[in-house]
Amino acid sequence: MEVPRDRGYGNNQQQGYNYYNNQRGRGQEEEKPNHVLLMTILNPAYPITVDVIHTISTPSGKVMRIVIFKKNGVQAMVDGFFMGVKKEDVTGWPQVR
């Protein structure tokens, strides 16, 4: 993409101005599907470990990586290939209430 460039002068210095002319705007790239699932666990009854998250996630597909964050509650980021899991689908997850 070619960017037009105009020259301006101010304070006895040459200044350059760039114009960005894109329909989507900056930072609004096309969304590509990813295979990362973010789980938020509220009020866990027992300690949440990688083994627990793996046991919950495995029936839905191949798990490649699990990261657990324990700041302000418990969150787990699961990276893998999940068959048939939709963005708002929680019916296939028996642990979700």
Protein backbone atom coordinates (compact mmCIF):
# COMPACT_ATOMS: atom_id res chain seq x y z
CA MET A 1 0.00 0.00 0.00
CA GLU A 2 1.40 3.35 -0.98
CA VAL A 3 1.09 6.12 1.59
CA PRO A 4 0.85 9.71 0.28
CA ARG A 5 3.26 12.06 1.99
CA ASP A 6 2.89 15.84 2.15
CA ARG A 7 5.50 18.27 3.39
CA GLY A 8 4.83 21.12 5.75
CA TYR A 9 7.03 23.75 7.32
CA GLY A 10 6.83 25.09 10.87
CA ASN A 11 9.34 26.55 13.33
CA ASN A 12 11.84 26.82 10.48
CA GLN A 13 11.89 23.02 10.19
CA GLN A 14 10.50 20.71 7.58
CA GLN A 15 7.76 18.42 8.91
CA GLY A 16 6.24 15.35 7.30
CA TYR A 17 2.59 14.30 7.47
CA ASN A 18 1.44 10.76 6.77
CA TYR A 19 -2.13 9.89 5.83
CA TYR A 20 -3.53 6.44 6.52
CA ASN A 21 -6.45 5.69 4.25
CA ASN A 22 -7.84 2.26 5.12
CA GLN A 23 -11.53 1.35 5.38
CA ARG A 24 -11.06 -0.80 8.52
CA GLY A 25 -8.81 1.62 10.32
CA ARG A 26 -5.74 0.83 12.35
CA GLY A 27 -5.86 -2.14 14.67
CA GLN A 28 -9.00 -3.61 13.11
CA GLU A 29 -7.50 -6.47 11.16
CA GLU A 30 -9.62 -9.38 10.02
CA GLU A 31 -10.32 -11.71 12.92
CA LYS A 32 -8.87 -15.14 12.37
CA PRO A 33 -10.17 -18.04 14.43
CA ASN A 34 -7.84 -19.22 17.15
CA HIS A 35 -7.80 -22.30 19.29
CA VAL A 36 -7.35 -20.70 22.70
CA LEU A 37 -10.00 -21.14 25.35
CA LEU A 38 -10.01 -18.90 28.44
CA MET A 39 -11.67 -20.42 31.50
CA THR A 40 -12.58 -18.34 34.53
CA ILE A 41 -13.21 -20.33 37.71
CA LEU A 42 -15.22 -18.55 40.40
CA ASN A 43 -15.19 -19.85 43.97
CA PRO A 44 -13.38 -23.15 43.31
CA ALA A 45 -14.26 -25.93 45.76
CA TYR A 46 -10.81 -27.53 45.41
CA PRO A 47 -7.39 -26.47 44.06
CA ILE A 48 -7.31 -25.95 40.30
CA THR A 49 -4.25 -27.62 38.78
CA VAL A 50 -3.05 -28.33 35.26
CA ASP A 51 -4.27 -31.93 35.68
CA VAL A 52 -7.79 -30.74 36.55
CA ILE A 53 -7.94 -28.40 33.54
CA HIS A 54 -6.55 -31.13 31.27
CA THR A 55 -9.19 -33.61 32.48
CA ILE A 56 -11.96 -31.08 31.81
CA SER A 57 -10.65 -30.06 28.37
CA THR A 58 -9.56 -33.39 26.86
CA PRO A 59 -13.05 -34.68 25.89
CA SER A 60 -13.50 -31.63 23.62
CA GLY A 61 -10.24 -32.03 21.71
CA LYS A 62 -6.46 -32.19 21.74
CA VAL A 63 -4.83 -29.99 24.41
CA MET A 64 -1.42 -28.59 23.52
CA ARG A 65 -0.74 -26.10 26.31
CA ILE A 66 -2.29 -24.94 29.61
CA VAL A 67 -1.45 -21.78 31.53
CA ILE A 68 -3.03 -21.00 34.91
CA PHE A 69 -3.27 -17.46 36.31
CA LYS A 70 -4.01 -17.10 40.01
CA LYS A 71 -4.38 -13.33 40.31
CA ASN A 72 -7.85 -12.02 41.18
CA GLY A 73 -9.39 -15.49 41.09
CA VAL A 74 -8.36 -18.39 38.89
CA GLN A 75 -8.16 -18.29 35.11
CA ALA A 76 -6.83 -20.98 32.82
CA MET A 77 -5.81 -20.46 29.21
CA VAL A 78 -6.03 -23.70 27.23
CA ASP A 79 -4.42 -23.90 23.79
CA GLY A 80 -5.45 -26.75 21.54
CA PHE A 81 -7.81 -27.94 18.86
CA PHE A 82 -11.37 -28.13 20.14
CA MET A 83 -13.89 -29.92 17.96
CA GLY A 84 -17.36 -28.40 17.90
CA VAL A 85 -16.85 -25.86 20.70
CA LYS A 86 -18.55 -22.59 19.83
CA LYS A 87 -17.82 -19.21 21.36
CA GLU A 88 -20.96 -19.15 23.54
CA ASP A 89 -21.45 -22.92 23.92
CA VAL A 90 -21.31 -24.13 27.52
CA THR A 91 -23.72 -27.07 27.24
CA GLY A 92 -20.95 -29.56 26.42
CA TRP A 93 -19.01 -28.67 29.55
CA PRO A 94 -20.49 -30.63 32.49
CA GLN A 95 -18.55 -28.59 35.05
CA VAL A 96 -20.19 -25.30 33.96
CA ARG A 97 -23.15 -24.25 36.07
